[in-house]
C-alpha cells in the first residue's frame, strides 16, 4: 500500500474527511477505493470541531459562523475562566460527547437562531 493511499485512509478513519471525499482522493490517485466494513462504519470517531452558528430567524441569513478545533476550546477553558460556569464540568462534557447539536436556541427578542455543534 503506497504512502498517499495510507494517509488518505487515516484521514477518513480520524474523521478529517468523509468516506466520499476519501474515495474521490483515492480515485484521483488512480486507485480503487477500499470497501468500508460494517465495523469501520460502526466505530465512531471522537469529535474534533466546535461550531457556532447564529442566523437571522426571519431570513435564515448567517450572521456568525465559527469553526474551531475542539482542542482550542479546551485550551481557552484552561487559560480563561467563564463566569458562572464550572469550567471542569464543561470541559468534561465536551470531551465525553459523541458529537452533534448541543445547543439550539431561538431568541425571539433579537430574532436570532443560535446553534452550537460538536462534530
N, C-alpha and C. Protein backbone atom coordinates (compact mmCIF):
# COMPACT_ATOMS: atom_id res chain seq x y z
N UNK A 1 0.86 -1.18 0.00
CA UNK A 1 0.00 0.00 0.00
C UNK A 1 0.90 1.23 0.00
N UNK A 2 0.68 2.12 -0.94
CA UNK A 2 1.57 3.28 -1.00
C UNK A 2 1.23 4.31 0.09
N UNK A 3 2.15 5.18 0.32
CA UNK A 3 2.05 6.15 1.42
C UNK A 3 0.86 7.10 1.28
N UNK A 4 0.60 7.57 0.05
CA UNK A 4 -0.51 8.51 -0.15
C UNK A 4 -1.85 7.86 0.17
N UNK A 5 -2.03 6.62 -0.28
CA UNK A 5 -3.29 5.92 -0.02
C UNK A 5 -3.47 5.71 1.48
N UNK A 6 -2.42 5.31 2.16
CA UNK A 6 -2.48 5.10 3.59
C UNK A 6 -2.82 6.39 4.33
N UNK A 7 -2.24 7.50 3.89
CA UNK A 7 -2.52 8.80 4.50
C UNK A 7 -4.00 9.16 4.34
N UNK A 8 -4.56 8.93 3.16
CA UNK A 8 -5.97 9.22 2.91
C UNK A 8 -6.85 8.35 3.80
N UNK A 9 -6.53 7.06 3.90
CA UNK A 9 -7.31 6.16 4.74
C UNK A 9 -7.28 6.58 6.21
N UNK A 10 -6.14 7.06 6.67
CA UNK A 10 -6.04 7.55 8.05
C UNK A 10 -6.89 8.81 8.23
N UNK A 11 -6.92 9.67 7.23
CA UNK A 11 -7.74 10.89 7.32
C UNK A 11 -9.22 10.53 7.44
N UNK A 12 -9.67 9.52 6.69
CA UNK A 12 -11.06 9.06 6.79
C UNK A 12 -11.29 8.45 8.17
N UNK A 13 -10.38 7.62 8.63
CA UNK A 13 -10.50 6.97 9.93
C UNK A 13 -10.58 7.99 11.06
N UNK A 14 -9.80 9.05 10.97
CA UNK A 14 -9.77 10.08 12.01
C UNK A 14 -10.90 11.08 11.90
N UNK A 15 -11.71 10.96 10.86
CA UNK A 15 -12.84 11.87 10.70
C UNK A 15 -12.48 13.22 10.13
N UNK A 16 -11.27 13.35 9.58
CA UNK A 16 -10.85 14.63 9.00
C UNK A 16 -11.51 14.87 7.65
N UNK A 17 -11.82 13.79 6.93
CA UNK A 17 -12.55 13.87 5.67
C UNK A 17 -13.59 12.77 5.66
N UNK A 18 -14.63 12.92 4.86
CA UNK A 18 -15.67 11.91 4.77
C UNK A 18 -15.20 10.74 3.92
N UNK A 19 -15.94 9.64 3.99
CA UNK A 19 -15.61 8.48 3.16
C UNK A 19 -15.72 8.83 1.68
N UNK A 20 -16.71 9.65 1.31
CA UNK A 20 -16.86 10.06 -0.10
C UNK A 20 -15.67 10.89 -0.56
N UNK A 21 -15.21 11.81 0.30
CA UNK A 21 -14.04 12.62 -0.06
C UNK A 21 -12.80 11.73 -0.20
N UNK A 22 -12.69 10.75 0.70
CA UNK A 22 -11.57 9.82 0.62
C UNK A 22 -11.59 9.01 -0.66
N UNK A 23 -12.79 8.56 -1.07
CA UNK A 23 -12.92 7.80 -2.31
C UNK A 23 -12.52 8.65 -3.51
N UNK A 24 -12.91 9.92 -3.49
CA UNK A 24 -12.54 10.81 -4.60
C UNK A 24 -11.03 11.01 -4.66
N UNK A 25 -10.41 11.17 -3.50
CA UNK A 25 -8.96 11.34 -3.46
C UNK A 25 -8.26 10.08 -3.96
N UNK A 26 -8.76 8.92 -3.54
CA UNK A 26 -8.17 7.66 -4.00
C UNK A 26 -8.35 7.50 -5.50
N UNK A 27 -9.52 7.90 -6.01
CA UNK A 27 -9.75 7.82 -7.45
C UNK A 27 -8.79 8.74 -8.19
N UNK A 28 -8.51 9.91 -7.61
CA UNK A 28 -7.57 10.84 -8.24
C UNK A 28 -6.16 10.25 -8.29
N UNK A 29 -5.87 9.38 -7.34
CA UNK A 29 -4.57 8.70 -7.36
C UNK A 29 -4.56 7.54 -8.35
N UNK A 30 -5.74 7.25 -8.93
CA UNK A 30 -5.83 6.16 -9.89
C UNK A 30 -5.97 4.82 -9.24
N UNK A 31 -6.48 4.81 -8.02
CA UNK A 31 -6.65 3.55 -7.30
C UNK A 31 -8.10 3.38 -6.93
N UNK A 32 -8.50 2.15 -6.84
CA UNK A 32 -9.87 1.83 -6.45
C UNK A 32 -10.04 2.12 -4.97
N UNK A 33 -11.20 2.65 -4.59
CA UNK A 33 -11.43 2.96 -3.18
C UNK A 33 -11.68 1.67 -2.40
N UNK A 34 -11.25 1.62 -1.16
CA UNK A 34 -11.43 0.42 -0.35
C UNK A 34 -12.89 0.26 0.06
N UNK A 35 -13.31 -0.96 0.30
CA UNK A 35 -14.65 -1.23 0.79
C UNK A 35 -14.69 -0.95 2.29
N UNK A 36 -15.72 -0.24 2.73
CA UNK A 36 -15.85 0.03 4.15
C UNK A 36 -16.59 -1.14 4.79
N UNK A 37 -16.04 -1.67 5.86
CA UNK A 37 -16.69 -2.77 6.56
C UNK A 37 -17.70 -2.22 7.54
N UNK A 38 -18.59 -3.08 8.00
CA UNK A 38 -19.58 -2.67 9.00
C UNK A 38 -18.88 -2.20 10.26
N UNK A 39 -17.80 -2.85 10.65
CA UNK A 39 -17.07 -2.45 11.85
C UNK A 39 -16.48 -1.06 11.69
N UNK A 40 -15.98 -0.75 10.51
CA UNK A 40 -15.39 0.58 10.28
C UNK A 40 -16.46 1.65 10.34
N UNK A 41 -17.65 1.35 9.83
CA UNK A 41 -18.73 2.33 9.86
C UNK A 41 -19.29 2.50 11.27
N UNK A 42 -19.24 1.45 12.07
CA UNK A 42 -19.81 1.50 13.41
C UNK A 42 -18.88 2.16 14.41
N UNK A 43 -17.61 2.28 14.10
CA UNK A 43 -16.65 2.87 15.02
C UNK A 43 -16.73 4.39 14.96
N UNK A 44 -17.28 5.02 16.02
CA UNK A 44 -17.39 6.48 16.00
C UNK A 44 -16.04 7.14 16.22
N UNK A 45 -15.81 8.22 15.52
CA UNK A 45 -14.58 8.97 15.75
C UNK A 45 -14.87 10.04 16.79
N UNK A 46 -13.84 10.43 17.53
CA UNK A 46 -14.01 11.48 18.53
C UNK A 46 -14.29 12.79 17.84
N UNK A 47 -15.22 13.57 18.39
CA UNK A 47 -15.47 14.88 17.81
C UNK A 47 -14.20 15.73 17.84
N UNK A 48 -14.00 16.52 16.79
CA UNK A 48 -12.80 17.35 16.68
C UNK A 48 -13.11 18.84 16.51
N UNK A 49 -14.36 19.17 16.20
CA UNK A 49 -14.70 20.56 15.88
C UNK A 49 -15.79 21.09 16.79
N UNK A 50 -15.67 22.35 17.12
CA UNK A 50 -16.67 23.11 17.87
C UNK A 50 -17.19 24.17 16.91
N UNK A 51 -18.50 24.14 16.63
CA UNK A 51 -19.07 25.04 15.63
C UNK A 51 -20.21 25.86 16.25
N UNK A 52 -20.19 27.15 15.97
CA UNK A 52 -21.25 28.05 16.43
C UNK A 52 -21.86 28.71 15.22
N UNK A 53 -23.19 28.66 15.12
CA UNK A 53 -23.92 29.27 14.02
C UNK A 53 -25.00 30.19 14.60
N UNK A 54 -25.00 31.44 14.18
CA UNK A 54 -26.05 32.39 14.56
C UNK A 54 -26.63 32.91 13.26
N UNK A 55 -27.94 32.72 13.09
CA UNK A 55 -28.59 33.18 11.87
C UNK A 55 -29.81 34.03 12.21
N UNK A 56 -30.22 34.83 11.24
CA UNK A 56 -31.41 35.65 11.37
C UNK A 56 -32.62 34.72 11.27
N UNK A 57 -33.50 34.76 12.26
CA UNK A 57 -34.65 33.85 12.29
C UNK A 57 -35.60 34.05 11.12
N UNK A 58 -35.77 35.28 10.68
CA UNK A 58 -36.75 35.54 9.61
C UNK A 58 -36.20 35.25 8.22
N UNK A 59 -34.93 35.56 7.99
CA UNK A 59 -34.38 35.37 6.63
C UNK A 59 -33.51 34.13 6.51
N UNK A 60 -33.03 33.61 7.64
CA UNK A 60 -32.11 32.47 7.60
C UNK A 60 -30.68 32.87 7.26
N UNK A 61 -30.46 34.17 7.03
CA UNK A 61 -29.12 34.66 6.68
C UNK A 61 -28.15 34.45 7.84
N UNK A 62 -26.99 33.90 7.55
CA UNK A 62 -25.97 33.62 8.56
C UNK A 62 -25.34 34.92 9.05
N UNK A 63 -25.33 35.11 10.37
CA UNK A 63 -24.70 36.28 10.98
C UNK A 63 -23.33 35.92 11.55
N UNK A 64 -23.23 34.76 12.16
CA UNK A 64 -21.98 34.30 12.76
C UNK A 64 -21.78 32.84 12.36
N UNK A 65 -20.56 32.52 11.95
CA UNK A 65 -20.22 31.15 11.57
C UNK A 65 -18.81 30.89 12.05
N UNK A 66 -18.69 30.24 13.21
CA UNK A 66 -17.38 29.99 13.82
C UNK A 66 -17.10 28.49 13.83
N UNK A 67 -15.94 28.11 13.32
CA UNK A 67 -15.48 26.73 13.35
C UNK A 67 -14.10 26.73 13.99
N UNK A 68 -13.95 25.97 15.07
CA UNK A 68 -12.64 25.90 15.69
C UNK A 68 -12.39 24.48 16.20
N UNK A 69 -11.13 24.08 16.20
CA UNK A 69 -10.81 22.76 16.73
C UNK A 69 -11.23 22.67 18.20
N UNK A 70 -11.77 21.53 18.58
CA UNK A 70 -12.22 21.33 19.95
C UNK A 70 -11.05 21.48 20.93
N UNK A 71 -9.86 21.12 20.50
CA UNK A 71 -8.69 21.27 21.38
C UNK A 71 -8.42 22.74 21.70
N UNK A 72 -8.74 23.63 20.78
CA UNK A 72 -8.55 25.06 21.03
C UNK A 72 -9.56 25.56 22.06
N UNK A 73 -10.77 25.04 22.04
CA UNK A 73 -11.77 25.39 23.04
C UNK A 73 -11.27 24.94 24.41
N UNK A 74 -10.75 23.71 24.47
CA UNK A 74 -10.22 23.19 25.72
C UNK A 74 -9.08 24.06 26.23
N UNK A 75 -8.19 24.48 25.34
CA UNK A 75 -7.09 25.36 25.71
C UNK A 75 -7.62 26.68 26.27
N UNK A 76 -8.62 27.25 25.61
CA UNK A 76 -9.21 28.51 26.08
C UNK A 76 -9.84 28.37 27.45
N UNK A 77 -10.47 27.22 27.69
CA UNK A 77 -11.07 27.00 29.00
C UNK A 77 -10.01 26.88 30.09
N UNK A 78 -8.85 26.35 29.71
CA UNK A 78 -7.77 26.20 30.69
C UNK A 78 -7.19 27.55 31.10
N UNK A 79 -7.06 28.47 30.14
CA UNK A 79 -6.39 29.73 30.46
C UNK A 79 -7.34 30.83 30.93
N UNK A 80 -8.60 30.75 30.56
CA UNK A 80 -9.54 31.79 30.95
C UNK A 80 -10.82 31.19 31.48
N UNK A 81 -11.26 31.67 32.58
CA UNK A 81 -12.49 31.16 33.17
C UNK A 81 -13.72 31.77 32.53
N UNK A 82 -14.83 31.10 32.68
CA UNK A 82 -16.12 31.60 32.22
C UNK A 82 -16.95 31.80 33.47
N UNK A 83 -17.39 33.03 33.74
CA UNK A 83 -18.08 33.31 34.99
C UNK A 83 -19.41 32.57 35.05
N UNK A 84 -19.68 31.97 36.21
CA UNK A 84 -20.94 31.28 36.44
C UNK A 84 -20.98 29.87 35.90
N UNK A 85 -19.90 29.38 35.30
CA UNK A 85 -19.87 28.04 34.73
C UNK A 85 -18.70 27.29 35.33
N UNK A 86 -18.94 26.06 35.75
CA UNK A 86 -17.85 25.21 36.24
C UNK A 86 -17.07 24.72 35.04
N UNK A 87 -15.89 25.28 34.83
CA UNK A 87 -15.08 25.01 33.65
C UNK A 87 -14.71 23.54 33.56
N UNK A 88 -14.42 22.90 34.69
CA UNK A 88 -14.05 21.48 34.67
C UNK A 88 -15.22 20.62 34.20
N UNK A 89 -16.43 20.94 34.65
CA UNK A 89 -17.61 20.20 34.19
C UNK A 89 -17.85 20.41 32.70
N UNK A 90 -17.68 21.63 32.23
CA UNK A 90 -17.86 21.93 30.81
C UNK A 90 -16.82 21.19 29.97
N UNK A 91 -15.58 21.21 30.40
CA UNK A 91 -14.51 20.52 29.69
C UNK A 91 -14.80 19.02 29.62
N UNK A 92 -15.22 18.44 30.73
CA UNK A 92 -15.52 17.01 30.77
C UNK A 92 -16.69 16.67 29.85
N UNK A 93 -17.71 17.52 29.84
CA UNK A 93 -18.86 17.28 28.97
C UNK A 93 -18.48 17.34 27.50
N UNK A 94 -17.63 18.29 27.13
CA UNK A 94 -17.19 18.40 25.74
C UNK A 94 -16.34 17.20 25.33
N UNK A 95 -15.54 16.67 26.24
CA UNK A 95 -14.68 15.54 25.91
C UNK A 95 -15.48 14.24 25.83
N UNK A 96 -16.59 14.15 26.55
CA UNK A 96 -17.36 12.91 26.59
C UNK A 96 -18.45 12.84 25.52
N UNK A 97 -18.78 13.95 24.91
CA UNK A 97 -19.86 13.95 23.94
C UNK A 97 -19.49 13.13 22.71
N UNK A 98 -20.49 12.50 22.12
CA UNK A 98 -20.29 11.75 20.88
C UNK A 98 -20.44 12.66 19.67
N UNK A 99 -20.81 13.91 19.92
CA UNK A 99 -20.96 14.87 18.83
C UNK A 99 -22.43 15.17 18.57
N UNK A 100 -22.63 16.13 17.69
CA UNK A 100 -23.98 16.54 17.34
C UNK A 100 -24.30 17.92 17.88
N UNK A 101 -25.56 18.30 17.74
CA UNK A 101 -26.00 19.61 18.20
C UNK A 101 -26.15 19.59 19.71
N UNK A 102 -25.50 20.54 20.39
CA UNK A 102 -25.60 20.59 21.84
C UNK A 102 -26.41 21.79 22.33
N UNK A 103 -26.60 22.79 21.46
CA UNK A 103 -27.43 23.95 21.79
C UNK A 103 -28.23 24.34 20.56
N UNK A 104 -29.53 24.60 20.77
CA UNK A 104 -30.41 25.08 19.69
C UNK A 104 -31.40 26.04 20.33
N UNK A 105 -31.15 27.33 20.16
CA UNK A 105 -31.95 28.36 20.84
C UNK A 105 -32.51 29.34 19.83
N UNK A 106 -33.79 29.66 19.97
CA UNK A 106 -34.43 30.71 19.19
C UNK A 106 -34.57 31.93 20.10
N UNK A 107 -33.90 33.01 19.79
CA UNK A 107 -34.00 34.25 20.56
C UNK A 107 -35.05 35.11 19.88
N UNK A 108 -36.27 35.06 20.40
CA UNK A 108 -37.37 35.80 19.80
C UNK A 108 -37.17 37.31 19.89
N UNK A 109 -36.58 37.77 20.97
CA UNK A 109 -36.37 39.21 21.18
C UNK A 109 -35.44 39.80 20.12
N UNK A 110 -34.33 39.11 19.84
CA UNK A 110 -33.36 39.60 18.86
C UNK A 110 -33.58 39.02 17.47
N UNK A 111 -34.50 38.06 17.36
CA UNK A 111 -34.76 37.44 16.06
C UNK A 111 -33.60 36.61 15.55
N UNK A 112 -32.93 35.90 16.46
CA UNK A 112 -31.77 35.12 16.07
C UNK A 112 -31.95 33.64 16.44
N UNK A 113 -31.34 32.79 15.66
CA UNK A 113 -31.31 31.36 15.91
C UNK A 113 -29.86 30.98 16.18
N UNK A 114 -29.59 30.43 17.36
CA UNK A 114 -28.23 30.07 17.77
C UNK A 114 -28.13 28.55 17.86
N UNK A 115 -27.13 28.01 17.16
CA UNK A 115 -26.88 26.58 17.20
C UNK A 115 -25.40 26.35 17.52
N UNK A 116 -25.14 25.39 18.40
CA UNK A 116 -23.77 25.01 18.73
C UNK A 116 -23.65 23.51 18.53
N UNK A 117 -22.62 23.11 17.77
CA UNK A 117 -22.39 21.71 17.46
C UNK A 117 -21.01 21.29 17.91
N UNK A 118 -20.88 20.02 18.21
CA UNK A 118 -19.58 19.39 18.41
C UNK A 118 -19.54 18.25 17.40
N UNK A 119 -18.59 18.31 16.48
CA UNK A 119 -18.52 17.31 15.41
C UNK A 119 -17.13 16.74 15.30
